[in-house]
PDB file of N, CA and C in Angstrom:
ATOM      1  N   UNK A   1     252.793  28.557  62.412  1.00  0.00           N
ATOM      2  CA  UNK A   1     252.962  28.309  63.841  1.00  0.00           C
ATOM      3  C   UNK A   1     254.413  28.170  64.241  1.00  0.00           C
ATOM      4  N   UNK A   2     254.667  27.982  65.530  1.00  0.00           N
ATOM      5  CA  UNK A   2     256.045  27.875  66.022  1.00  0.00           C
ATOM      6  C   UNK A   2     256.838  26.724  65.417  1.00  0.00           C
ATOM      7  N   UNK A   3     256.167  25.606  65.140  1.00  0.00           N
ATOM      8  CA  UNK A   3     256.879  24.459  64.562  1.00  0.00           C
ATOM      9  C   UNK A   3     257.369  24.793  63.154  1.00  0.00           C
ATOM     10  N   UNK A   4     256.474  25.320  62.328  1.00  0.00           N
ATOM     11  CA  UNK A   4     256.831  25.691  60.953  1.00  0.00           C
ATOM     12  C   UNK A   4     257.935  26.750  60.954  1.00  0.00           C
ATOM     13  N   UNK A   5     257.835  27.687  61.865  1.00  0.00           N
ATOM     14  CA  UNK A   5     258.840  28.745  62.005  1.00  0.00           C
ATOM     15  C   UNK A   5     260.204  28.147  62.357  1.00  0.00           C
ATOM     16  N   UNK A   6     260.197  27.182  63.277  1.00  0.00           N
ATOM     17  CA  UNK A   6     261.433  26.511  63.683  1.00  0.00           C
ATOM     18  C   UNK A   6     262.079  25.811  62.494  1.00  0.00           C
ATOM     19  N   UNK A   7     261.252  25.139  61.667  1.00  0.00           N
ATOM     20  CA  UNK A   7     261.806  24.457  60.498  1.00  0.00           C
ATOM     21  C   UNK A   7     262.351  25.439  59.472  1.00  0.00           C
ATOM     22  N   UNK A   8     261.734  26.620  59.363  1.00  0.00           N
ATOM     23  CA  UNK A   8     262.256  27.657  58.466  1.00  0.00           C
ATOM     24  C   UNK A   8     263.649  28.090  58.920  1.00  0.00           C
ATOM     25  N   UNK A   9     263.813  28.247  60.231  1.00  0.00           N
ATOM     26  CA  UNK A   9     265.106  28.637  60.796  1.00  0.00           C
ATOM     27  C   UNK A   9     266.154  27.552  60.547  1.00  0.00           C
ATOM     28  N   UNK A  10     265.755  26.292  60.757  1.00  0.00           N
ATOM     29  CA  UNK A  10     266.652  25.155  60.541  1.00  0.00           C
ATOM     30  C   UNK A  10     267.121  25.128  59.087  1.00  0.00           C
ATOM     31  N   UNK A  11     266.166  25.282  58.171  1.00  0.00           N
ATOM     32  CA  UNK A  11     266.480  25.289  56.740  1.00  0.00           C
ATOM     33  C   UNK A  11     267.503  26.386  56.433  1.00  0.00           C
ATOM     34  N   UNK A  12     267.322  27.543  57.052  1.00  0.00           N
ATOM     35  CA  UNK A  12     268.227  28.663  56.832  1.00  0.00           C
ATOM     36  C   UNK A  12     269.609  28.458  57.425  1.00  0.00           C
ATOM     37  N   UNK A  13     269.680  27.610  58.452  1.00  0.00           N
ATOM     38  CA  UNK A  13     270.953  27.393  59.156  1.00  0.00           C
ATOM     39  C   UNK A  13     271.805  26.301  58.515  1.00  0.00           C
ATOM     40  N   UNK A  14     271.242  25.602  57.533  1.00  0.00           N
ATOM     41  CA  UNK A  14     271.962  24.497  56.913  1.00  0.00           C
ATOM     42  C   UNK A  14     273.087  24.979  56.029  1.00  0.00           C
ATOM     43  N   UNK A  15     274.232  24.322  56.171  1.00  0.00           N
ATOM     44  CA  UNK A  15     275.335  24.599  55.269  1.00  0.00           C
ATOM     45  C   UNK A  15     275.748  23.292  54.607  1.00  0.00           C
ATOM     46  N   UNK A  16     276.338  23.430  53.433  1.00  0.00           N
ATOM     47  CA  UNK A  16     276.823  22.286  52.668  1.00  0.00           C
ATOM     48  C   UNK A  16     277.791  21.463  53.535  1.00  0.00           C
ATOM     49  N   UNK A  17     278.658  22.171  54.260  1.00  0.00           N
ATOM     50  CA  UNK A  17     279.665  21.530  55.104  1.00  0.00           C
ATOM     51  C   UNK A  17     279.004  20.729  56.223  1.00  0.00           C
ATOM     52  N   UNK A  18     277.966  21.309  56.794  1.00  0.00           N
ATOM     53  CA  UNK A  18     277.251  20.648  57.878  1.00  0.00           C
ATOM     54  C   UNK A  18     276.569  19.375  57.392  1.00  0.00           C
ATOM     55  N   UNK A  19     275.968  19.454  56.212  1.00  0.00           N
ATOM     56  CA  UNK A  19     275.322  18.285  55.606  1.00  0.00           C
ATOM     57  C   UNK A  19     276.370  17.199  55.353  1.00  0.00           C
ATOM     58  N   UNK A  20     277.511  17.618  54.808  1.00  0.00           N
ATOM     59  CA  UNK A  20     278.600  16.678  54.505  1.00  0.00           C
ATOM     60  C   UNK A  20     279.107  15.981  55.758  1.00  0.00           C
ATOM     61  N   UNK A  21     279.231  16.737  56.847  1.00  0.00           N
ATOM     62  CA  UNK A  21     279.798  16.149  58.059  1.00  0.00           C
ATOM     63  C   UNK A  21     278.784  15.333  58.864  1.00  0.00           C
ATOM     64  N   UNK A  22     277.494  15.632  58.707  1.00  0.00           N
ATOM     65  CA  UNK A  22     276.480  14.931  59.499  1.00  0.00           C
ATOM     66  C   UNK A  22     276.036  13.626  58.854  1.00  0.00           C
ATOM     67  N   UNK A  23     275.629  13.715  57.571  1.00  0.00           N
ATOM     68  CA  UNK A  23     275.168  12.537  56.847  1.00  0.00           C
ATOM     69  C   UNK A  23     274.091  11.772  57.616  1.00  0.00           C
ATOM     70  N   UNK A  24     273.053  12.480  58.032  1.00  0.00           N
ATOM     71  CA  UNK A  24     271.968  11.832  58.749  1.00  0.00           C
ATOM     72  C   UNK A  24     270.625  12.442  58.387  1.00  0.00           C
ATOM     73  N   UNK A  25     269.592  11.633  58.481  1.00  0.00           N
ATOM     74  CA  UNK A  25     268.234  12.104  58.214  1.00  0.00           C
ATOM     75  C   UNK A  25     267.387  11.894  59.462  1.00  0.00           C
ATOM     76  N   UNK A  26     266.750  12.951  59.911  1.00  0.00           N
ATOM     77  CA  UNK A  26     265.952  12.935  61.131  1.00  0.00           C
ATOM     78  C   UNK A  26     264.478  13.089  60.801  1.00  0.00           C
ATOM     79  N   UNK A  27     263.664  12.236  61.390  1.00  0.00           N
ATOM     80  CA  UNK A  27     262.222  12.352  61.224  1.00  0.00           C
ATOM     81  C   UNK A  27     261.615  12.643  62.590  1.00  0.00           C
ATOM     82  N   UNK A  28     260.696  13.590  62.625  1.00  0.00           N
ATOM     83  CA  UNK A  28     260.059  13.977  63.887  1.00  0.00           C
ATOM     84  C   UNK A  28     258.572  13.681  63.817  1.00  0.00           C
ATOM     85  N   UNK A  29     258.087  12.918  64.780  1.00  0.00           N
ATOM     86  CA  UNK A  29     256.658  12.663  64.897  1.00  0.00           C
ATOM     87  C   UNK A  29     256.179  13.547  66.044  1.00  0.00           C
ATOM     88  N   UNK A  30     255.580  14.659  65.702  1.00  0.00           N
ATOM     89  CA  UNK A  30     255.202  15.640  66.709  1.00  0.00           C
ATOM     90  C   UNK A  30     253.721  15.578  67.033  1.00  0.00           C
ATOM     91  N   UNK A  31     253.420  15.639  68.318  1.00  0.00           N
ATOM     92  CA  UNK A  31     252.023  15.632  68.740  1.00  0.00           C
ATOM     93  C   UNK A  31     251.655  17.027  69.235  1.00  0.00           C
ATOM     94  N   UNK A  32     250.391  17.366  69.173  1.00  0.00           N
ATOM     95  CA  UNK A  32     249.959  18.671  69.657  1.00  0.00           C
ATOM     96  C   UNK A  32     249.902  19.703  68.546  1.00  0.00           C
ATOM     97  N   UNK A  33     249.928  20.949  68.942  1.00  0.00           N
ATOM     98  CA  UNK A  33     249.775  22.076  68.030  1.00  0.00           C
ATOM     99  C   UNK A  33     250.863  22.107  66.961  1.00  0.00           C
ATOM    100  N   UNK A  34     250.460  22.114  65.686  1.00  0.00           N
ATOM    101  CA  UNK A  34     251.435  22.152  64.602  1.00  0.00           C
ATOM    102  C   UNK A  34     252.171  20.844  64.432  1.00  0.00           C
ATOM    103  N   UNK A  35     251.602  19.779  64.992  1.00  0.00           N
ATOM    104  CA  UNK A  35     252.244  18.471  64.944  1.00  0.00           C
ATOM    105  C   UNK A  35     252.158  17.804  63.591  1.00  0.00           C
ATOM    106  N   UNK A  36     252.476  16.517  63.593  1.00  0.00           N
ATOM    107  CA  UNK A  36     252.511  15.747  62.356  1.00  0.00           C
ATOM    108  C   UNK A  36     253.919  15.246  62.117  1.00  0.00           C
ATOM    109  N   UNK A  37     254.178  14.820  60.889  1.00  0.00           N
ATOM    110  CA  UNK A  37     255.495  14.313  60.521  1.00  0.00           C
ATOM    111  C   UNK A  37     256.307  15.420  59.868  1.00  0.00           C
ATOM    112  N   UNK A  38     257.501  15.651  60.392  1.00  0.00           N
ATOM    113  CA  UNK A  38     258.420  16.656  59.856  1.00  0.00           C
ATOM    114  C   UNK A  38     259.782  15.988  59.707  1.00  0.00           C
ATOM    115  N   UNK A  39     260.669  16.589  58.953  1.00  0.00           N
ATOM    116  CA  UNK A  39     261.991  15.975  58.779  1.00  0.00           C
ATOM    117  C   UNK A  39     263.095  17.018  58.613  1.00  0.00           C
ATOM    118  N   UNK A  40     264.308  16.570  58.909  1.00  0.00           N
ATOM    119  CA  UNK A  40     265.513  17.323  58.595  1.00  0.00           C
ATOM    120  C   UNK A  40     266.428  16.362  57.853  1.00  0.00           C
ATOM    121  N   UNK A  41     266.735  16.669  56.605  1.00  0.00           N
ATOM    122  CA  UNK A  41     267.596  15.820  55.788  1.00  0.00           C
ATOM    123  C   UNK A  41     268.986  16.452  55.744  1.00  0.00           C
ATOM    124  N   UNK A  42     269.920  15.806  56.440  1.00  0.00           N
ATOM    125  CA  UNK A  42     271.307  16.274  56.431  1.00  0.00           C
ATOM    126  C   UNK A  42     272.181  15.220  55.760  1.00  0.00           C
ATOM    127  N   UNK A  43     271.662  14.693  54.661  1.00  0.00           N
ATOM    128  CA  UNK A  43     272.385  13.652  53.929  1.00  0.00           C
ATOM    129  C   UNK A  43     272.394  13.976  52.442  1.00  0.00           C
ATOM    130  N   UNK A  44     271.231  14.311  51.907  1.00  0.00           N
ATOM    131  CA  UNK A  44     271.102  14.643  50.496  1.00  0.00           C
ATOM    132  C   UNK A  44     271.781  15.979  50.232  1.00  0.00           C
ATOM    133  N   UNK A  45     272.365  16.122  49.059  1.00  0.00           N
ATOM    134  CA  UNK A  45     273.113  17.337  48.713  1.00  0.00           C
ATOM    135  C   UNK A  45     272.326  18.616  49.041  1.00  0.00           C
ATOM    136  N   UNK A  46     272.966  19.492  49.796  1.00  0.00           N
ATOM    137  CA  UNK A  46     272.334  20.766  50.127  1.00  0.00           C
ATOM    138  C   UNK A  46     271.469  20.710  51.370  1.00  0.00           C
ATOM    139  N   UNK A  47     270.934  19.519  51.644  1.00  0.00           N
ATOM    140  CA  UNK A  47     270.084  19.365  52.818  1.00  0.00           C
ATOM    141  C   UNK A  47     268.711  19.979  52.621  1.00  0.00           C
ATOM    142  N   UNK A  48     267.769  19.573  53.414  1.00  0.00           N
ATOM    143  CA  UNK A  48     266.427  20.149  53.365  1.00  0.00           C
ATOM    144  C   UNK A  48     265.718  19.843  54.667  1.00  0.00           C
ATOM    145  N   UNK A  49     264.641  20.574  54.903  1.00  0.00           N
ATOM    146  CA  UNK A  49     263.853  20.364  56.109  1.00  0.00           C
ATOM    147  C   UNK A  49     262.437  20.803  55.815  1.00  0.00           C
ATOM    148  N   UNK A  50     261.473  20.172  56.466  1.00  0.00           N
ATOM    149  CA  UNK A  50     260.101  20.595  56.241  1.00  0.00           C
ATOM    150  C   UNK A  50     259.073  19.595  56.700  1.00  0.00           C
ATOM    151  N   UNK A  51     257.858  19.807  56.225  1.00  0.00           N
ATOM    152  CA  UNK A  51     256.728  18.994  56.626  1.00  0.00           C
ATOM    153  C   UNK A  51     256.660  17.740  55.771  1.00  0.00           C
ATOM    154  N   UNK A  52     256.303  16.627  56.399  1.00  0.00           N
ATOM    155  CA  UNK A  52     256.127  15.381  55.657  1.00  0.00           C
ATOM    156  C   UNK A  52     257.249  14.402  55.938  1.00  0.00           C
ATOM    157  N   UNK A  53     257.219  13.303  55.194  1.00  0.00           N
ATOM    158  CA  UNK A  53     258.243  12.271  55.343  1.00  0.00           C
ATOM    159  C   UNK A  53     259.513  12.750  54.628  1.00  0.00           C
ATOM    160  N   UNK A  54     260.698  12.356  55.154  1.00  0.00           N
ATOM    161  CA  UNK A  54     261.933  12.743  54.469  1.00  0.00           C
ATOM    162  C   UNK A  54     262.031  12.067  53.104  1.00  0.00           C
ATOM    163  N   UNK A  55     262.786  12.671  52.170  1.00  0.00           N
ATOM    164  CA  UNK A  55     262.915  12.107  50.820  1.00  0.00           C
ATOM    165  C   UNK A  55     263.628  10.759  50.801  1.00  0.00           C
ATOM    166  N   UNK A  56     264.443  10.499  51.809  1.00  0.00           N
ATOM    167  CA  UNK A  56     265.089   9.196  51.957  1.00  0.00           C
ATOM    168  C   UNK A  56     264.779   8.670  53.355  1.00  0.00           C
ATOM    169  N   UNK A  57     265.033   7.381  53.587  1.00  0.00           N
ATOM    170  CA  UNK A  57     264.704   6.772  54.876  1.00  0.00           C
ATOM    171  C   UNK A  57     265.432   7.470  56.019  1.00  0.00           C
ATOM    172  N   UNK A  58     264.710   7.754  57.082  1.00  0.00           N
ATOM    173  CA  UNK A  58     265.283   8.423  58.241  1.00  0.00           C
ATOM    174  C   UNK A  58     266.227   7.509  59.010  1.00  0.00           C
ATOM    175  N   UNK A  59     267.330   8.079  59.484  1.00  0.00           N
ATOM    176  CA  UNK A  59     268.264   7.351  60.350  1.00  0.00           C
ATOM    177  C   UNK A  59     267.790   7.400  61.793  1.00  0.00           C
ATOM    178  N   UNK A  60     267.119   8.477  62.134  1.00  0.00           N
ATOM    179  CA  UNK A  60     266.638   8.683  63.492  1.00  0.00           C
ATOM    180  C   UNK A  60     265.188   9.134  63.429  1.00  0.00           C
ATOM    181  N   UNK A  61     264.338   8.495  64.225  1.00  0.00           N
ATOM    182  CA  UNK A  61     262.944   8.932  64.333  1.00  0.00           C
ATOM    183  C   UNK A  61     262.705   9.359  65.775  1.00  0.00           C
ATOM    184  N   UNK A  62     262.276  10.612  65.951  1.00  0.00           N
ATOM    185  CA  UNK A  62     262.012  11.128  67.282  1.00  0.00           C
ATOM    186  C   UNK A  62     260.535  11.444  67.421  1.00  0.00           C
ATOM    187  N   UNK A  63     259.973  10.992  68.532  1.00  0.00           N
ATOM    188  CA  UNK A  63     258.573  11.298  68.809  1.00  0.00           C
ATOM    189  C   UNK A  63     258.532  12.181  70.045  1.00  0.00           C
ATOM    190  N   UNK A  64     257.840  13.299  69.944  1.00  0.00           N
ATOM    191  CA  UNK A  64     257.759  14.226  71.066  1.00  0.00           C
ATOM    192  C   UNK A  64     256.625  15.212  70.828  1.00  0.00           C
ATOM    193  N   UNK A  65     256.335  16.016  71.822  1.00  0.00           N
ATOM    194  CA  UNK A  65     255.307  17.033  71.626  1.00  0.00           C
ATOM    195  C   UNK A  65     255.900  18.183  70.832  1.00  0.00           C
ATOM    196  N   UNK A  66     255.064  18.873  70.091  1.00  0.00           N
ATOM    197  CA  UNK A  66     255.549  19.996  69.300  1.00  0.00           C
ATOM    198  C   UNK A  66     256.120  21.083  70.217  1.00  0.00           C
ATOM    199  N   UNK A  67     255.564  21.215  71.405  1.00  0.00           N
ATOM    200  CA  UNK A  67     256.066  22.209  72.369  1.00  0.00           C
ATOM    201  C   UNK A  67     257.502  21.894  72.780  1.00  0.00           C
ATOM    202  N   UNK A  68     257.778  20.615  73.066  1.00  0.00           N
ATOM    203  CA  UNK A  68     259.138  20.201  73.430  1.00  0.00           C
ATOM    204  C   UNK A  68     260.090  20.376  72.257  1.00  0.00           C
ATOM    205  N   UNK A  69     259.600  20.099  71.049  1.00  0.00           N
ATOM    206  CA  UNK A  69     260.431  20.258  69.863  1.00  0.00           C
ATOM    207  C   UNK A  69     260.885  21.711  69.715  1.00  0.00           C
ATOM    208  N   UNK A  70     259.939  22.623  69.839  1.00  0.00           N
ATOM    209  CA  UNK A  70     260.259  24.047  69.714  1.00  0.00           C
ATOM    210  C   UNK A  70     261.236  24.462  70.816  1.00  0.00           C
ATOM    211  N   UNK A  71     261.007  23.974  72.032  1.00  0.00           N
ATOM    212  CA  UNK A  71     261.915  24.266  73.154  1.00  0.00           C
ATOM    213  C   UNK A  71     263.323  23.763  72.860  1.00  0.00           C
ATOM    214  N   UNK A  72     263.386  22.561  72.291  1.00  0.00           N
ATOM    215  CA  UNK A  72     264.670  21.943  71.997  1.00  0.00           C
ATOM    216  C   UNK A  72     265.479  22.828  71.048  1.00  0.00           C
ATOM    217  N   UNK A  73     264.797  23.409  70.057  1.00  0.00           N
ATOM    218  CA  UNK A  73     265.491  24.215  69.063  1.00  0.00           C
ATOM    219  C   UNK A  73     265.650  25.678  69.461  1.00  0.00           C
ATOM    220  N   UNK A  74     264.996  26.091  70.534  1.00  0.00           N
ATOM    221  CA  UNK A  74     265.217  27.454  71.002  1.00  0.00           C
ATOM    222  C   UNK A  74     266.136  27.403  72.214  1.00  0.00           C
ATOM    223  N   UNK A  75     266.814  26.258  72.365  1.00  0.00           N
ATOM    224  CA  UNK A  75     267.835  26.076  73.385  1.00  0.00           C
ATOM    225  C   UNK A  75     267.300  26.102  74.815  1.00  0.00           C
ATOM    226  N   UNK A  76     266.022  25.804  74.976  1.00  0.00           N
ATOM    227  CA  UNK A  76     265.472  25.722  76.326  1.00  0.00           C
ATOM    228  C   UNK A  76     265.498  24.280  76.819  1.00  0.00           C
ATOM    229  N   UNK A  77     265.843  23.369  75.913  1.00  0.00           N
ATOM    230  CA  UNK A  77     265.822  21.948  76.239  1.00  0.00           C
ATOM    231  C   UNK A  77     266.842  21.246  75.360  1.00  0.00           C
ATOM    232  N   UNK A  78     267.785  20.561  75.962  1.00  0.00           N
ATOM    233  CA  UNK A  78     268.767  19.808  75.160  1.00  0.00           C
ATOM    234  C   UNK A  78     268.098  18.518  74.655  1.00  0.00           C
ATOM    235  N   UNK A  79     268.422  18.106  73.411  1.00  0.00           N
ATOM    236  CA  UNK A  79     267.802  16.896  72.884  1.00  0.00           C
ATOM    237  C   UNK A  79     267.834  15.715  73.837  1.00  0.00           C
ATOM    238  N   UNK A  80     268.972  15.488  74.482  1.00  0.00           N
ATOM    239  CA  UNK A  80     269.023  14.322  75.368  1.00  0.00           C
ATOM    240  C   UNK A  80     268.150  14.486  76.595  1.00  0.00           C
ATOM    241  N   UNK A  81     267.993  15.724  77.062  1.00  0.00           N
ATOM    242  CA  UNK A  81     267.076  15.969  78.168  1.00  0.00           C
ATOM    243  C   UNK A  81     265.656  15.668  77.708  1.00  0.00           C
ATOM    244  N   UNK A  82     265.364  16.062  76.494  1.00  0.00           N
ATOM    245  CA  UNK A  82     264.028  15.832  75.935  1.00  0.00           C
ATOM    246  C   UNK A  82     263.686  14.350  75.958  1.00  0.00           C
ATOM    247  N   UNK A  83     264.670  13.503  75.637  1.00  0.00           N
ATOM    248  CA  UNK A  83     264.369  12.086  75.536  1.00  0.00           C
ATOM    249  C   UNK A  83     264.426  11.366  76.871  1.00  0.00           C
ATOM    250  N   UNK A  84     264.902  12.078  77.879  1.00  0.00           N
ATOM    251  CA  UNK A  84     264.857  11.519  79.219  1.00  0.00           C
ATOM    252  C   UNK A  84     263.425  11.587  79.736  1.00  0.00           C
ATOM    253  N   UNK A  85     262.673  12.534  79.219  1.00  0.00           N
ATOM    254  CA  UNK A  85     261.308  12.698  79.708  1.00  0.00           C
ATOM    255  C   UNK A  85     260.428  11.608  79.120  1.00  0.00           C
ATOM    256  N   UNK A  86     259.420  11.228  79.858  1.00  0.00           N
ATOM    257  CA  UNK A  86     258.603  10.064  79.504  1.00  0.00           C
ATOM    258  C   UNK A  86     257.814  10.231  78.212  1.00  0.00           C
ATOM    259  N   UNK A  87     257.510  11.480  77.849  1.00  0.00           N
ATOM    260  CA  UNK A  87     256.621  11.637  76.701  1.00  0.00           C
ATOM    261  C   UNK A  87     257.373  11.776  75.380  1.00  0.00           C
ATOM    262  N   UNK A  88     258.654  11.423  75.379  1.00  0.00           N
ATOM    263  CA  UNK A  88     259.431  11.481  74.150  1.00  0.00           C
ATOM    264  C   UNK A  88     260.104  10.142  73.911  1.00  0.00           C
ATOM    265  N   UNK A  89     260.354   9.828  72.645  1.00  0.00           N
ATOM    266  CA  UNK A  89     261.113   8.616  72.350  1.00  0.00           C
ATOM    267  C   UNK A  89     262.004   8.866  71.151  1.00  0.00           C
ATOM    268  N   UNK A  90     263.068   8.087  71.077  1.00  0.00           N
ATOM    269  CA  UNK A  90     264.004   8.200  69.964  1.00  0.00           C
ATOM    270  C   UNK A  90     264.350   6.805  69.489  1.00  0.00           C
ATOM    271  N   UNK A  91     264.295   6.609  68.178  1.00  0.00           N
ATOM    272  CA  UNK A  91     264.621   5.314  67.587  1.00  0.00           C
ATOM    273  C   UNK A  91     265.691   5.534  66.526  1.00  0.00           C
ATOM    274  N   UNK A  92     266.607   4.589  66.426  1.00  0.00           N
ATOM    275  CA  UNK A  92     267.614   4.668  65.376  1.00  0.00           C
ATOM    276  C   UNK A  92     268.982   5.041  65.906  1.00  0.00           C
ATOM    277  N   UNK A  93     269.746   5.728  65.075  1.00  0.00           N
ATOM    278  CA  UNK A  93     271.127   6.066  65.379  1.00  0.00           C
ATOM    279  C   UNK A  93     271.206   7.277  66.309  1.00  0.00           C
ATOM    280  N   UNK A  94     271.223   7.010  67.613  1.00  0.00           N
ATOM    281  CA  UNK A  94     271.188   8.098  68.597  1.00  0.00           C
ATOM    282  C   UNK A  94     272.456   8.948  68.561  1.00  0.00           C
ATOM    283  N   UNK A  95     273.560   8.395  68.061  1.00  0.00           N
ATOM    284  CA  UNK A  95     274.807   9.157  67.976  1.00  0.00           C
ATOM    285  C   UNK A  95     274.603  10.386  67.081  1.00  0.00           C
ATOM    286  N   UNK A  96     273.778  10.240  66.056  1.00  0.00           N
ATOM    287  CA  UNK A  96     273.497  11.355  65.155  1.00  0.00           C
ATOM    288  C   UNK A  96     272.818  12.519  65.875  1.00  0.00           C
ATOM    289  N   UNK A  97     272.120  12.208  66.957  1.00  0.00           N
ATOM    290  CA  UNK A  97     271.440  13.254  67.711  1.00  0.00           C
ATOM    291  C   UNK A  97     272.440  14.268  68.258  1.00  0.00           C
ATOM    292  N   UNK A  98     273.644  13.783  68.562  1.00  0.00           N
ATOM    293  CA  UNK A  98     274.696  14.675  69.051  1.00  0.00           C
ATOM    294  C   UNK A  98     275.077  15.710  67.999  1.00  0.00           C
ATOM    295  N   UNK A  99     275.114  15.284  66.736  1.00  0.00           N
ATOM    296  CA  UNK A  99     275.459  16.225  65.673  1.00  0.00           C
ATOM    297  C   UNK A  99     274.343  17.242  65.481  1.00  0.00           C
ATOM    298  N   UNK A 100     273.119  16.835  65.797  1.00  0.00           N
ATOM    299  CA  UNK A 100     271.985  17.755  65.730  1.00  0.00           C
ATOM    300  C   UNK A 100     272.157  18.826  66.800  1.00  0.00           C
ATOM    301  N   UNK A 101     272.659  18.425  67.965  1.00  0.00           N
ATOM    302  CA  UNK A 101     272.899  19.379  69.052  1.00  0.00           C
ATOM    303  C   UNK A 101     273.875  20.466  68.636  1.00  0.00           C
ATOM    304  N   UNK A 102     274.872  20.088  67.831  1.00  0.00           N
ATOM    305  CA  UNK A 102     275.863  21.054  67.368  1.00  0.00           C
ATOM    306  C   UNK A 102     275.208  22.152  66.540  1.00  0.00           C
ATOM    307  N   UNK A 103     274.210  21.772  65.781  1.00  0.00           N
ATOM    308  CA  UNK A 103     273.566  22.716  64.867  1.00  0.00           C
ATOM    309  C   UNK A 103     272.687  23.720  65.616  1.00  0.00           C
ATOM    310  N   UNK A 104     272.123  23.273  66.748  1.00  0.00           N
ATOM    311  CA  UNK A 104     271.160  24.089  67.458  1.00  0.00           C
ATOM    312  C   UNK A 104     271.763  25.376  67.997  1.00  0.00           C
TER     313      UNK A 104
END
C-alpha cells in the first residue's frame, strides 16, 4: 500500500550523513488504511525505517491518519501543518521534526 511504499522511499533516501546529523528516532502511530506502528530510525548506524516499533526508544511519537502521513511525505502537507490539524498529535522532541522536513 501507499504507506509501505512511502517507507520504502524513505529507506532509500537515507544517507549516513543524514543519520549522523539528525540523531533522532521517529515513531508513527497511523490510523486507517495501512496503519499501525511504523518507525524511522535516524540514530542507529546506517539508519532504518519500516513497520513495527523502532529498535531503540523513539524521540518523537506522531499520531496521524495514514492518508495524512502519505501526504506529508509526498510534499502535499508540511509536518507542522499536519500537526495543526485536530486529528494529529506529536509527542517528544518537536525540534527533530524540523530535520525530518529537510529529508522530505
